[in-house]
Amino acid sequence: MNSKHQCVQLNDGHFIPVLGFGTAIVQDPKSKLLEAIKLAIDAGFRHIDTAYLYNNEEEVGLAIRSKIADDTVKREDIFLTSKLWCNFHQPQLVQLSLEKSLRQLQLDYLDLYVIHFPVSLKPGDNLLPRDENGKLMFDTVDLCATWEAMEKCKDAGLVKSIGVSNFNCRQLEMILNKPGLKYKPVCNQVECHPYMNQSKLLDFCKSKGIVLVAYGSLGTQRVKGWVDHNAPVLLDDPVLCAMAKKYKRTPGLISLRYQLQRGFVVLAKSFNEKRIKENIQVLEFQLTSEDMKVLDGLNRNYRYIPFNDFIGNPNYPFSDEY
């Protein structure tokens, strides 16, 4: 991995860079994403996070391959994550979905593959299948069986590490206590920022050797259908802004640094060249323990992305406290 990058060791022995580049597309054209990933790699990012749901694996793969071709990086320098979407939880579909992602990326393996969300949807080409009343069409799949299929993908050499995303403590316990468990999840990727600091889930995951990966760590864009347009703007928070002045950094960098010092791996998403170069500076400074406590005080358990369509499903993860 690039010397600029700090890494943490996962419970399977592999290493993950603590700062990742998020690629979830909202309104931006895919061509902008392609250029942004190239800029991110040039700036020093070595951890790239995508997902089948984002419908951008082709562009992500193209950007990585172009940076390999111009000798900026080797494939082994890049830590690449993708995710298994809810339509593919049936065990016989898991490897097929991973292979499809690899075909779109035009790469031989992933560094990390995670179950994107613990709720299962009816299989098919429609990623959010709905009935005539507009309700999502759920499937009943044993997540432990899905996990066994993930383990087989690791054994087949298609992916180095396997993990989960948006799982609560109870769902993690279910996997960890599964009879015949071969590999523990290396990570749980969850929404986390100063307004939702996930302290209880963090303590639980640390006790089990599971790394928490933070998405939405800068608050989030006002994504139509996903985020309330009246949601508070994290980076306008007066405490964050005052601290940014103190450290001569941006509120975004304070938010990212807060997560890193708590032991998170953090995803930062920006398609703006200045911001991309700025975000890598999070590795260059430290917050005092007093300021960390002040930031702890901002927590209000506020979730920007509650996945409202999934509420009511027995596997909806956010009904539990953590």
C-alpha atoms as a PDB file:
ATOM      1  CA  MET A   1       0.000   0.000   0.000  1.00  0.00           C
ATOM      2  CA  ASN A   2       1.053   3.597  -0.627  1.00  0.00           C
ATOM      3  CA  SER A   3       3.296   5.000   2.115  1.00  0.00           C
ATOM      4  CA  LYS A   4       0.939   7.971   2.480  1.00  0.00           C
ATOM      5  CA  HIS A   5      -1.689   5.593   3.699  1.00  0.00           C
ATOM      6  CA  GLN A   6      -2.263   4.354   7.182  1.00  0.00           C
ATOM      7  CA  CYS A   7      -3.855   0.903   7.339  1.00  0.00           C
ATOM      8  CA  VAL A   8      -5.484  -1.263   9.962  1.00  0.00           C
ATOM      9  CA  GLN A   9      -5.294  -5.040  10.059  1.00  0.00           C
ATOM     10  CA  LEU A  10      -8.506  -6.983   9.522  1.00  0.00           C
ATOM     11  CA  ASN A  11      -9.312 -10.142  11.480  1.00  0.00           C
ATOM     12  CA  ASP A  12      -8.296 -12.315   8.497  1.00  0.00           C
ATOM     13  CA  GLY A  13      -4.796 -10.810   8.310  1.00  0.00           C
ATOM     14  CA  HIS A  14      -5.342  -8.463   5.360  1.00  0.00           C
ATOM     15  CA  PHE A  15      -4.874  -4.697   5.702  1.00  0.00           C
ATOM     16  CA  ILE A  16      -7.371  -1.957   4.832  1.00  0.00           C
ATOM     17  CA  PRO A  17      -6.412   1.708   4.320  1.00  0.00           C
ATOM     18  CA  VAL A  18      -8.155   3.811   6.968  1.00  0.00           C
ATOM     19  CA  LEU A  19      -9.271   6.406   4.414  1.00  0.00           C
ATOM     20  CA  GLY A  20     -11.406   5.329   1.477  1.00  0.00           C
ATOM     21  CA  PHE A  21     -12.905   7.063  -1.544  1.00  0.00           C
ATOM     22  CA  GLY A  22     -16.683   6.663  -1.812  1.00  0.00           C
ATOM     23  CA  THR A  23     -18.306   6.476  -5.247  1.00  0.00           C
ATOM     24  CA  ALA A  24     -22.079   6.450  -4.686  1.00  0.00           C
ATOM     25  CA  ILE A  25     -23.436   8.455  -7.635  1.00  0.00           C
ATOM     26  CA  VAL A  26     -26.280  10.825  -6.993  1.00  0.00           C
ATOM     27  CA  GLN A  27     -26.885  13.433  -9.691  1.00  0.00           C
ATOM     28  CA  ASP A  28     -23.394  13.567 -11.165  1.00  0.00           C
ATOM     29  CA  PRO A  29     -22.675  12.124 -14.621  1.00  0.00           C
ATOM     30  CA  LYS A  30     -20.600   8.949 -14.691  1.00  0.00           C
ATOM     31  CA  SER A  31     -17.860  10.677 -16.691  1.00  0.00           C
ATOM     32  CA  LYS A  32     -17.342  12.965 -13.686  1.00  0.00           C
ATOM     33  CA  LEU A  33     -16.975   9.918 -11.436  1.00  0.00           C
ATOM     34  CA  LEU A  34     -14.365   8.420 -13.758  1.00  0.00           C
ATOM     35  CA  GLU A  35     -12.239  11.574 -13.563  1.00  0.00           C
ATOM     36  CA  ALA A  36     -12.797  11.897  -9.802  1.00  0.00           C
ATOM     37  CA  ILE A  37     -11.450   8.396  -9.119  1.00  0.00           C
ATOM     38  CA  LYS A  38      -8.357   9.108 -11.224  1.00  0.00           C
ATOM     39  CA  LEU A  39      -7.833  12.351  -9.276  1.00  0.00           C
ATOM     40  CA  ALA A  40      -8.329  10.476  -5.991  1.00  0.00           C
ATOM     41  CA  ILE A  41      -5.701   7.883  -6.901  1.00  0.00           C
ATOM     42  CA  ASP A  42      -3.320  10.647  -8.005  1.00  0.00           C
ATOM     43  CA  ALA A  43      -3.922  12.411  -4.665  1.00  0.00           C
ATOM     44  CA  GLY A  44      -2.998   9.256  -2.736  1.00  0.00           C
ATOM     45  CA  PHE A  45      -6.287   7.414  -2.126  1.00  0.00           C
ATOM     46  CA  ARG A  46      -5.713   3.664  -2.293  1.00  0.00           C
ATOM     47  CA  HIS A  47      -9.066   2.415  -0.973  1.00  0.00           C
ATOM     48  CA  ILE A  48     -12.013   2.658  -3.408  1.00  0.00           C
ATOM     49  CA  ASP A  49     -15.566   1.757  -2.381  1.00  0.00           C
ATOM     50  CA  THR A  50     -18.290   0.871  -4.882  1.00  0.00           C
ATOM     51  CA  ALA A  51     -21.377  -1.358  -5.021  1.00  0.00           C
ATOM     52  CA  TYR A  52     -23.546  -3.204  -7.527  1.00  0.00           C
ATOM     53  CA  LEU A  53     -26.398  -0.877  -6.504  1.00  0.00           C
ATOM     54  CA  TYR A  54     -24.433   2.217  -7.560  1.00  0.00           C
ATOM     55  CA  ASN A  55     -24.433   1.040 -11.189  1.00  0.00           C
ATOM     56  CA  ASN A  56     -20.930   2.414 -11.676  1.00  0.00           C
ATOM     57  CA  GLU A  57     -18.614  -0.588 -11.418  1.00  0.00           C
ATOM     58  CA  GLU A  58     -17.681  -0.241 -15.084  1.00  0.00           C
ATOM     59  CA  GLU A  59     -16.415   3.332 -14.543  1.00  0.00           C
ATOM     60  CA  VAL A  60     -14.674   2.409 -11.275  1.00  0.00           C
ATOM     61  CA  GLY A  61     -12.849  -0.461 -12.981  1.00  0.00           C
ATOM     62  CA  LEU A  62     -11.902   1.701 -15.950  1.00  0.00           C
ATOM     63  CA  ALA A  63     -10.443   4.403 -13.681  1.00  0.00           C
ATOM     64  CA  ILE A  64      -8.399   1.880 -11.684  1.00  0.00           C
ATOM     65  CA  ARG A  65      -7.150   0.104 -14.811  1.00  0.00           C
ATOM     66  CA  SER A  66      -6.128   3.412 -16.411  1.00  0.00           C
ATOM     67  CA  LYS A  67      -4.051   4.288 -13.326  1.00  0.00           C
ATOM     68  CA  ILE A  68      -2.452   0.824 -13.455  1.00  0.00           C
ATOM     69  CA  ALA A  69      -1.736   1.312 -17.176  1.00  0.00           C
ATOM     70  CA  ASP A  70       0.029   4.650 -16.610  1.00  0.00           C
ATOM     71  CA  ASP A  71       2.140   3.100 -13.790  1.00  0.00           C
ATOM     72  CA  THR A  72       0.657   5.290 -11.024  1.00  0.00           C
ATOM     73  CA  VAL A  73      -0.287   2.135  -9.089  1.00  0.00           C
ATOM     74  CA  LYS A  74      -0.203  -1.647  -9.288  1.00  0.00           C
ATOM     75  CA  ARG A  75      -3.402  -3.646  -8.716  1.00  0.00           C
ATOM     76  CA  GLU A  76      -2.100  -4.800  -5.317  1.00  0.00           C
ATOM     77  CA  ASP A  77      -1.758  -1.136  -4.237  1.00  0.00           C
ATOM     78  CA  ILE A  78      -5.524  -0.645  -4.512  1.00  0.00           C
ATOM     79  CA  PHE A  79      -8.003  -1.888  -1.907  1.00  0.00           C
ATOM     80  CA  LEU A  80     -11.303  -2.293  -3.766  1.00  0.00           C
ATOM     81  CA  THR A  81     -14.671  -2.945  -2.126  1.00  0.00           C
ATOM     82  CA  SER A  82     -17.983  -3.849  -3.745  1.00  0.00           C
ATOM     83  CA  LYS A  83     -21.274  -5.026  -2.289  1.00  0.00           C
ATOM     84  CA  LEU A  84     -23.865  -7.767  -2.702  1.00  0.00           C
ATOM     85  CA  TRP A  85     -27.286  -6.192  -3.249  1.00  0.00           C
ATOM     86  CA  CYS A  86     -30.501  -7.426  -1.622  1.00  0.00           C
ATOM     87  CA  ASN A  87     -31.770  -9.251  -4.765  1.00  0.00           C
ATOM     88  CA  PHE A  88     -28.894 -11.717  -4.601  1.00  0.00           C
ATOM     89  CA  HIS A  89     -29.061 -13.045  -1.040  1.00  0.00           C
ATOM     90  CA  GLN A  90     -30.160 -16.502  -2.166  1.00  0.00           C
ATOM     91  CA  PRO A  91     -27.013 -18.644  -1.749  1.00  0.00           C
ATOM     92  CA  GLN A  92     -26.948 -19.807  -5.375  1.00  0.00           C
ATOM     93  CA  LEU A  93     -26.912 -16.150  -6.553  1.00  0.00           C
ATOM     94  CA  VAL A  94     -24.094 -14.795  -4.368  1.00  0.00           C
ATOM     95  CA  GLN A  95     -21.110 -15.938  -6.430  1.00  0.00           C
ATOM     96  CA  LEU A  96     -22.927 -15.134  -9.686  1.00  0.00           C
ATOM     97  CA  SER A  97     -23.428 -11.571  -8.458  1.00  0.00           C
ATOM     98  CA  LEU A  98     -19.786 -11.219  -7.439  1.00  0.00           C
ATOM     99  CA  GLU A  99     -18.655 -12.590 -10.811  1.00  0.00           C
ATOM    100  CA  LYS A 100     -20.920 -10.077 -12.553  1.00  0.00           C
ATOM    101  CA  SER A 101     -19.328  -7.252 -10.553  1.00  0.00           C
ATOM    102  CA  LEU A 102     -15.852  -8.484 -11.515  1.00  0.00           C
ATOM    103  CA  ARG A 103     -16.867  -8.605 -15.193  1.00  0.00           C
ATOM    104  CA  GLN A 104     -18.094  -5.010 -14.993  1.00  0.00           C
ATOM    105  CA  LEU A 105     -14.924  -3.928 -13.214  1.00  0.00           C
ATOM    106  CA  GLN A 106     -12.804  -6.043 -15.609  1.00  0.00           C
ATOM    107  CA  LEU A 107     -10.662  -7.108 -12.658  1.00  0.00           C
ATOM    108  CA  ASP A 108      -9.766 -10.566 -11.343  1.00  0.00           C
ATOM    109  CA  TYR A 109     -10.613 -10.153  -7.674  1.00  0.00           C
ATOM    110  CA  LEU A 110     -12.026  -7.831  -5.026  1.00  0.00           C
ATOM    111  CA  ASP A 111     -10.252  -6.963  -1.804  1.00  0.00           C
ATOM    112  CA  LEU A 112     -13.541  -6.797   0.098  1.00  0.00           C
ATOM    113  CA  TYR A 113     -17.092  -7.946  -0.647  1.00  0.00           C
ATOM    114  CA  VAL A 114     -19.862  -7.063   1.774  1.00  0.00           C
ATOM    115  CA  ILE A 115     -23.559  -7.867   2.150  1.00  0.00           C
ATOM    116  CA  HIS A 116     -24.938  -4.375   1.433  1.00  0.00           C
ATOM    117  CA  PHE A 117     -28.081  -4.558   3.597  1.00  0.00           C
ATOM    118  CA  PRO A 118     -29.587  -7.352   5.717  1.00  0.00           C
ATOM    119  CA  VAL A 119     -33.053  -7.204   4.111  1.00  0.00           C
ATOM    120  CA  SER A 120     -33.664  -9.613   1.189  1.00  0.00           C
ATOM    121  CA  LEU A 121     -35.619  -8.643  -1.934  1.00  0.00           C
ATOM    122  CA  LYS A 122     -37.178 -10.801  -4.636  1.00  0.00           C
ATOM    123  CA  PRO A 123     -34.476 -11.852  -7.126  1.00  0.00           C
ATOM    124  CA  GLY A 124     -34.512 -10.364 -10.620  1.00  0.00           C
ATOM    125  CA  ASP A 125     -33.193  -7.509 -12.702  1.00  0.00           C
ATOM    126  CA  ASN A 126     -35.226  -4.866 -10.856  1.00  0.00           C
ATOM    127  CA  LEU A 127     -33.060  -3.843  -7.907  1.00  0.00           C
ATOM    128  CA  LEU A 128     -36.053  -2.420  -5.997  1.00  0.00           C
ATOM    129  CA  PRO A 129     -38.916  -4.714  -7.107  1.00  0.00           C
ATOM    130  CA  ARG A 130     -42.365  -3.361  -6.218  1.00  0.00           C
ATOM    131  CA  ASP A 131     -45.885  -4.769  -6.366  1.00  0.00           C
ATOM    132  CA  GLU A 132     -48.852  -2.980  -7.959  1.00  0.00           C
ATOM    133  CA  ASN A 133     -49.300  -0.941  -4.755  1.00  0.00           C
ATOM    134  CA  GLY A 134     -45.720   0.329  -4.890  1.00  0.00           C
ATOM    135  CA  LYS A 135     -44.607  -1.797  -1.934  1.00  0.00           C
ATOM    136  CA  LEU A 136     -41.206  -3.451  -2.061  1.00  0.00           C
ATOM    137  CA  MET A 137     -41.340  -7.196  -2.724  1.00  0.00           C
ATOM    138  CA  PHE A 138     -39.335  -8.874   0.016  1.00  0.00           C
ATOM    139  CA  ASP A 139     -37.836 -12.356   0.044  1.00  0.00           C
ATOM    140  CA  THR A 140     -37.193 -14.589   3.032  1.00  0.00           C
ATOM    141  CA  VAL A 141     -33.588 -15.729   2.972  1.00  0.00           C
ATOM    142  CA  ASP A 142     -31.536 -17.077   5.868  1.00  0.00           C
ATOM    143  CA  LEU A 143     -28.656 -14.586   6.157  1.00  0.00           C
ATOM    144  CA  CYS A 144     -26.466 -17.348   7.597  1.00  0.00           C
ATOM    145  CA  ALA A 145     -26.882 -19.239   4.297  1.00  0.00           C
ATOM    146  CA  THR A 146     -25.968 -16.041   2.416  1.00  0.00           C
ATOM    147  CA  TRP A 147     -22.876 -15.753   4.614  1.00  0.00           C
ATOM    148  CA  GLU A 148     -21.838 -19.348   3.819  1.00  0.00           C
ATOM    149  CA  ALA A 149     -22.012 -18.459   0.113  1.00  0.00           C
ATOM    150  CA  MET A 150     -19.819 -15.403   0.820  1.00  0.00           C
ATOM    151  CA  GLU A 151     -17.292 -17.713   2.514  1.00  0.00           C
ATOM    152  CA  LYS A 152     -17.202 -19.860  -0.629  1.00  0.00           C
ATOM    153  CA  CYS A 153     -16.402 -16.769  -2.725  1.00  0.00           C
ATOM    154  CA  LYS A 154     -13.387 -16.146  -0.471  1.00  0.00           C
ATOM    155  CA  ASP A 155     -12.286 -19.772  -0.777  1.00  0.00           C
ATOM    156  CA  ALA A 156     -12.613 -19.524  -4.563  1.00  0.00           C
ATOM    157  CA  GLY A 157     -10.139 -16.602  -4.595  1.00  0.00           C
ATOM    158  CA  LEU A 158     -12.656 -14.125  -6.012  1.00  0.00           C
ATOM    159  CA  VAL A 159     -12.341 -11.900  -2.951  1.00  0.00           C
ATOM    160  CA  LYS A 160      -9.740 -11.553  -0.199  1.00  0.00           C
ATOM    161  CA  SER A 161     -11.997 -10.431   2.662  1.00  0.00           C
ATOM    162  CA  ILE A 162     -15.732 -10.585   3.358  1.00  0.00           C
ATOM    163  CA  GLY A 163     -17.906  -8.403   5.553  1.00  0.00           C
ATOM    164  CA  VAL A 164     -21.314  -6.846   6.042  1.00  0.00           C
ATOM    165  CA  SER A 165     -22.957  -3.430   5.911  1.00  0.00           C
ATOM    166  CA  ASN A 166     -25.870  -1.910   7.864  1.00  0.00           C
ATOM    167  CA  PHE A 167     -26.043  -4.902  10.243  1.00  0.00           C
ATOM    168  CA  ASN A 168     -27.064  -4.318  13.849  1.00  0.00           C
ATOM    169  CA  CYS A 169     -25.515  -6.021  16.877  1.00  0.00           C
ATOM    170  CA  ARG A 170     -28.112  -8.826  16.889  1.00  0.00           C
ATOM    171  CA  GLN A 171     -27.541  -9.606  13.201  1.00  0.00           C
ATOM    172  CA  LEU A 172     -23.781  -9.642  13.681  1.00  0.00           C
ATOM    173  CA  GLU A 173     -24.189 -12.036  16.626  1.00  0.00           C
ATOM    174  CA  MET A 174     -26.290 -14.311  14.422  1.00  0.00           C
ATOM    175  CA  ILE A 175     -23.403 -14.641  11.939  1.00  0.00           C
ATOM    176  CA  LEU A 176     -20.737 -14.913  14.647  1.00  0.00           C
ATOM    177  CA  ASN A 177     -22.671 -17.682  16.436  1.00  0.00           C
ATOM    178  CA  LYS A 178     -23.463 -19.590  13.242  1.00  0.00           C
ATOM    179  CA  PRO A 179     -22.561 -23.299  13.581  1.00  0.00           C
ATOM    180  CA  GLY A 180     -19.595 -24.099  11.345  1.00  0.00           C
ATOM    181  CA  LEU A 181     -18.594 -20.438  10.871  1.00  0.00           C
ATOM    182  CA  LYS A 182     -15.438 -20.408   8.751  1.00  0.00           C
ATOM    183  CA  TYR A 183     -14.709 -16.672   8.488  1.00  0.00           C
ATOM    184  CA  LYS A 184     -15.889 -13.850  10.733  1.00  0.00           C
ATOM    185  CA  PRO A 185     -17.038 -10.665   9.001  1.00  0.00           C
ATOM    186  CA  VAL A 186     -13.989  -8.400   8.829  1.00  0.00           C
ATOM    187  CA  CYS A 187     -16.097  -5.239   8.869  1.00  0.00           C
ATOM    188  CA  ASN A 188     -19.512  -3.669   9.218  1.00  0.00           C
ATOM    189  CA  GLN A 189     -20.030  -0.599   7.014  1.00  0.00           C
ATOM    190  CA  VAL A 190     -22.512   1.804   8.624  1.00  0.00           C
ATOM    191  CA  GLU A 191     -23.637   5.421   8.525  1.00  0.00           C
ATOM    192  CA  CYS A 192     -21.535   7.335  11.026  1.00  0.00           C
ATOM    193  CA  HIS A 193     -20.772  11.027  11.664  1.00  0.00           C
ATOM    194  CA  PRO A 194     -20.759  13.359  14.688  1.00  0.00           C
ATOM    195  CA  TYR A 195     -24.594  13.470  14.701  1.00  0.00           C
ATOM    196  CA  MET A 196     -24.674   9.657  14.813  1.00  0.00           C
ATOM    197  CA  ASN A 197     -21.498   8.395  16.379  1.00  0.00           C
ATOM    198  CA  GLN A 198     -22.454   4.708  16.744  1.00  0.00           C
ATOM    199  CA  SER A 199     -20.544   4.447  20.047  1.00  0.00           C
ATOM    200  CA  LYS A 200     -22.342   1.291  21.277  1.00  0.00           C
ATOM    201  CA  LEU A 201     -21.986  -0.517  17.951  1.00  0.00           C
ATOM    202  CA  LEU A 202     -18.319   0.555  17.834  1.00  0.00           C
ATOM    203  CA  ASP A 203     -17.655  -0.920  21.291  1.00  0.00           C
ATOM    204  CA  PHE A 204     -19.409  -4.160  20.345  1.00  0.00           C
ATOM    205  CA  CYS A 205     -17.526  -4.510  17.040  1.00  0.00           C
ATOM    206  CA  LYS A 206     -14.166  -3.753  18.672  1.00  0.00           C
ATOM    207  CA  SER A 207     -14.867  -6.515  21.206  1.00  0.00           C
ATOM    208  CA  LYS A 208     -15.405  -8.965  18.320  1.00  0.00           C
ATOM    209  CA  GLY A 209     -12.453  -7.851  16.161  1.00  0.00           C
ATOM    210  CA  ILE A 210     -14.749  -6.330  13.522  1.00  0.00           C
ATOM    211  CA  VAL A 211     -13.748  -3.009  11.935  1.00  0.00           C
ATOM    212  CA  LEU A 212     -16.444  -0.371  11.533  1.00  0.00           C
ATOM    213  CA  VAL A 213     -16.345   1.459   8.193  1.00  0.00           C
ATOM    214  CA  ALA A 214     -18.118   4.841   8.208  1.00  0.00           C
ATOM    215  CA  TYR A 215     -20.181   6.056   5.268  1.00  0.00           C
ATOM    216  CA  GLY A 216     -22.016   9.388   5.237  1.00  0.00           C
ATOM    217  CA  SER A 217     -19.175  10.692   7.413  1.00  0.00           C
ATOM    218  CA  LEU A 218     -19.584  14.239   6.046  1.00  0.00           C
ATOM    219  CA  GLY A 219     -23.350  14.234   6.542  1.00  0.00           C
ATOM    220  CA  THR A 220     -24.752  13.551   3.100  1.00  0.00           C
ATOM    221  CA  GLN A 221     -26.061  15.137  -0.082  1.00  0.00           C
ATOM    222  CA  ARG A 222     -29.799  15.759  -0.204  1.00  0.00           C
ATOM    223  CA  VAL A 223     -30.551  12.660  -2.242  1.00  0.00           C
ATOM    224  CA  LYS A 224     -34.133  12.688  -3.511  1.00  0.00           C
ATOM    225  CA  GLY A 225     -36.088   9.758  -2.101  1.00  0.00           C
ATOM    226  CA  TRP A 226     -33.328   8.825   0.358  1.00  0.00           C
ATOM    227  CA  VAL A 227     -32.647  11.910   2.481  1.00  0.00           C
ATOM    228  CA  ASP A 228     -35.042  14.388   4.117  1.00  0.00           C
ATOM    229  CA  HIS A 229     -34.486  17.789   2.505  1.00  0.00           C
ATOM    230  CA  ASN A 230     -35.058  19.403   5.900  1.00  0.00           C
ATOM    231  CA  ALA A 231     -32.244  17.362   7.455  1.00  0.00           C
ATOM    232  CA  PRO A 232     -29.664  19.369   9.446  1.00  0.00           C
ATOM    233  CA  VAL A 233     -26.510  20.225   7.487  1.00  0.00           C
ATOM    234  CA  LEU A 234     -23.693  18.586   9.453  1.00  0.00           C
ATOM    235  CA  LEU A 235     -20.894  20.723   8.022  1.00  0.00           C
ATOM    236  CA  ASP A 236     -22.713  23.922   9.068  1.00  0.00           C
ATOM    237  CA  ASP A 237     -22.652  22.834  12.719  1.00  0.00           C
ATOM    238  CA  PRO A 238     -21.242  25.730  14.818  1.00  0.00           C
ATOM    239  CA  VAL A 239     -19.111  23.414  16.992  1.00  0.00           C
ATOM    240  CA  LEU A 240     -17.536  21.787  13.939  1.00  0.00           C
ATOM    241  CA  CYS A 241     -17.010  25.198  12.312  1.00  0.00           C
ATOM    242  CA  ALA A 242     -15.358  26.635  15.425  1.00  0.00           C
ATOM    243  CA  MET A 243     -13.072  23.628  15.688  1.00  0.00           C
ATOM    244  CA  ALA A 244     -12.211  23.919  11.995  1.00  0.00           C
ATOM    245  CA  LYS A 245     -11.024  27.508  12.630  1.00  0.00           C
ATOM    246  CA  LYS A 246      -8.979  26.377  15.633  1.00  0.00           C
ATOM    247  CA  TYR A 247      -7.141  23.711  13.617  1.00  0.00           C
ATOM    248  CA  LYS A 248      -7.073  25.773  10.393  1.00  0.00           C
ATOM    249  CA  ARG A 249      -8.893  22.913   8.629  1.00  0.00           C
ATOM    250  CA  THR A 250     -12.365  22.494   7.120  1.00  0.00           C
ATOM    251  CA  PRO A 251     -15.396  21.218   9.076  1.00  0.00           C
ATOM    252  CA  GLY A 252     -15.293  18.162   6.790  1.00  0.00           C
ATOM    253  CA  LEU A 253     -11.727  17.336   7.830  1.00  0.00           C
ATOM    254  CA  ILE A 254     -12.638  17.689  11.518  1.00  0.00           C
ATOM    255  CA  SER A 255     -15.534  15.263  11.004  1.00  0.00           C
ATOM    256  CA  LEU A 256     -13.334  12.735   9.183  1.00  0.00           C
ATOM    257  CA  ARG A 257     -10.517  13.023  11.729  1.00  0.00           C
ATOM    258  CA  TYR A 258     -12.978  12.439  14.580  1.00  0.00           C
ATOM    259  CA  GLN A 259     -13.934   9.077  13.095  1.00  0.00           C
ATOM    260  CA  LEU A 260     -10.359   8.003  12.386  1.00  0.00           C
ATOM    261  CA  GLN A 261      -9.251   8.686  15.956  1.00  0.00           C
ATOM    262  CA  ARG A 262     -12.125   6.566  17.259  1.00  0.00           C
ATOM    263  CA  GLY A 263     -10.841   3.586  15.269  1.00  0.00           C
ATOM    264  CA  PHE A 264     -13.117   3.782  12.241  1.00  0.00           C
ATOM    265  CA  VAL A 265     -12.155   3.281   8.628  1.00  0.00           C
ATOM    266  CA  VAL A 266     -13.701   6.313   6.916  1.00  0.00           C
ATOM    267  CA  LEU A 267     -15.112   6.812   3.422  1.00  0.00           C
ATOM    268  CA  ALA A 268     -14.937  10.338   2.027  1.00  0.00           C
ATOM    269  CA  LYS A 269     -16.841  11.144  -1.141  1.00  0.00           C
ATOM    270  CA  SER A 270     -16.240  14.193  -3.291  1.00  0.00           C
ATOM    271  CA  PHE A 271     -16.070  14.709  -7.041  1.00  0.00           C
ATOM    272  CA  ASN A 272     -14.427  18.114  -6.565  1.00  0.00           C
ATOM    273  CA  GLU A 273     -10.652  18.139  -7.223  1.00  0.00           C
ATOM    274  CA  LYS A 274      -9.870  20.654  -4.458  1.00  0.00           C
ATOM    275  CA  ARG A 275     -11.919  18.690  -1.907  1.00  0.00           C
ATOM    276  CA  ILE A 276     -10.410  15.351  -2.971  1.00  0.00           C
ATOM    277  CA  LYS A 277      -6.901  16.714  -2.362  1.00  0.00           C
ATOM    278  CA  GLU A 278      -8.070  18.310   0.878  1.00  0.00           C
ATOM    279  CA  ASN A 279      -9.643  15.116   2.260  1.00  0.00           C
ATOM    280  CA  ILE A 280      -6.346  13.206   2.103  1.00  0.00           C
ATOM    281  CA  GLN A 281      -4.959  15.780   4.582  1.00  0.00           C
ATOM    282  CA  VAL A 282      -7.009  14.101   7.319  1.00  0.00           C
ATOM    283  CA  LEU A 283      -3.987  11.839   7.830  1.00  0.00           C
ATOM    284  CA  GLU A 284      -1.778  14.833   8.663  1.00  0.00           C
ATOM    285  CA  PHE A 285      -3.157  16.161  11.976  1.00  0.00           C
ATOM    286  CA  GLN A 286      -4.599  15.055  15.345  1.00  0.00           C
ATOM    287  CA  LEU A 287      -7.480  16.286  17.489  1.00  0.00           C
ATOM    288  CA  THR A 288      -6.881  16.637  21.239  1.00  0.00           C
ATOM    289  CA  SER A 289      -8.687  14.275  23.607  1.00  0.00           C
ATOM    290  CA  GLU A 290     -10.620  17.295  24.955  1.00  0.00           C
ATOM    291  CA  ASP A 291     -11.854  18.157  21.462  1.00  0.00           C
ATOM    292  CA  MET A 292     -12.771  14.520  20.841  1.00  0.00           C
ATOM    293  CA  LYS A 293     -15.014  14.688  23.939  1.00  0.00           C
ATOM    294  CA  VAL A 294     -16.613  17.908  22.656  1.00  0.00           C
ATOM    295  CA  LEU A 295     -17.395  16.168  19.346  1.00  0.00           C
ATOM    296  CA  ASP A 296     -18.821  13.166  21.241  1.00  0.00           C
ATOM    297  CA  GLY A 297     -21.318  15.664  22.655  1.00  0.00           C
ATOM    298  CA  LEU A 298     -22.733  16.401  19.189  1.00  0.00           C
ATOM    299  CA  ASN A 299     -24.308  12.935  18.963  1.00  0.00           C
ATOM    300  CA  ARG A 300     -28.078  12.955  18.499  1.00  0.00           C
ATOM    301  CA  ASN A 301     -28.520   9.507  16.922  1.00  0.00           C
ATOM    302  CA  TYR A 302     -29.594  11.238  13.717  1.00  0.00           C
ATOM    303  CA  ARG A 303     -29.689   8.985  10.658  1.00  0.00           C
ATOM    304  CA  TYR A 304     -29.575  10.702   7.252  1.00  0.00           C
ATOM    305  CA  ILE A 305     -30.261   7.497   5.316  1.00  0.00           C
ATOM    306  CA  PRO A 306     -32.877   5.426   7.187  1.00  0.00           C
ATOM    307  CA  PHE A 307     -33.798   3.179   4.193  1.00  0.00           C
ATOM    308  CA  ASN A 308     -37.464   3.946   4.935  1.00  0.00           C
ATOM    309  CA  ASP A 309     -38.768   1.559   2.261  1.00  0.00           C
ATOM    310  CA  PHE A 310     -37.393  -1.357   4.262  1.00  0.00           C
ATOM    311  CA  ILE A 311     -39.142  -0.441   7.531  1.00  0.00           C
ATOM    312  CA  GLY A 312     -41.459  -3.202   8.657  1.00  0.00           C
ATOM    313  CA  ASN A 313     -39.323  -6.040   7.329  1.00  0.00           C
ATOM    314  CA  PRO A 314     -38.221  -8.391  10.151  1.00  0.00           C
ATOM    315  CA  ASN A 315     -34.588  -7.898   9.124  1.00  0.00           C
ATOM    316  CA  TYR A 316     -34.794  -4.071   9.055  1.00  0.00           C
ATOM    317  CA  PRO A 317     -31.698  -3.295  11.132  1.00  0.00           C
ATOM    318  CA  PHE A 318     -32.393   0.158  12.528  1.00  0.00           C
ATOM    319  CA  SER A 319     -35.308  -0.713  14.827  1.00  0.00           C
ATOM    320  CA  ASP A 320     -32.798  -2.016  17.384  1.00  0.00           C
ATOM    321  CA  GLU A 321     -30.870   0.458  19.536  1.00  0.00           C
ATOM    322  CA  TYR A 322     -27.613  -0.565  17.819  1.00  0.00           C
END
